[in-house]
Amino acid sequence: MNLHINNITVDDTYCEAFGGVFTRFIITAGDKKRLKRAAYLSTALPSTVFGKSEGGIEAWLDPTRTPDGRIGAVVQIWVNDIKDSDRILASELGWRIRQGILVVPTTSVFNALESGTSIDMMAPVGYCADGYQVEEERYGRQALLWSLVAAWICGGPCVRSVCCVG
């Protein structure tokens, strides 16, 4: 049996819903291959297996819709609305940015949620560049930049990853 609400057909299938706390951010990269890798890695980290958070890609963006004018993806990360959910979300977001996004060369991360609440990502993401990170203003936001020291491996120039926190 199908249900119709406001001229939209709702199929009679199984659905699960729960209260949650979430964040939304934009990942950008220098090319489609690296963008997809960062978006998929950030949403597929093993933390979902342990039930702490769930992530998904909301949309793919053309360069006109991103803060730095490069191709991008909007990603959402959700946690259950329980005691300490804000702390859990910050921790999960830190893991996903540090282990899923910033390890991919040319990537940047931008806040994509207009909210009165903010998450200080300094502790969760940390200074993961062994002292080679710099803070500066980029794209009208306060940013942390990491130089990925890959030159000694491939003989090419270092590439930078950016995490814009504002």
Foldseek 3Di string as FASTA:
>chain_A
DWDADPNDTDDPDDDDDADKDKFKKKKFFDDDVLQVQLQCQLQPPCVVVVQAKGKDWDDWAALVPDLVSGTITMMMIIGGPDVCNLVSRLLSNLCSCQVRRQVRFGMEMGGDDDDPDFHDNCVNVHDPQVPQWDWDDDSNFIKIKHWDPCCVPVVDHTGIYIYGRD
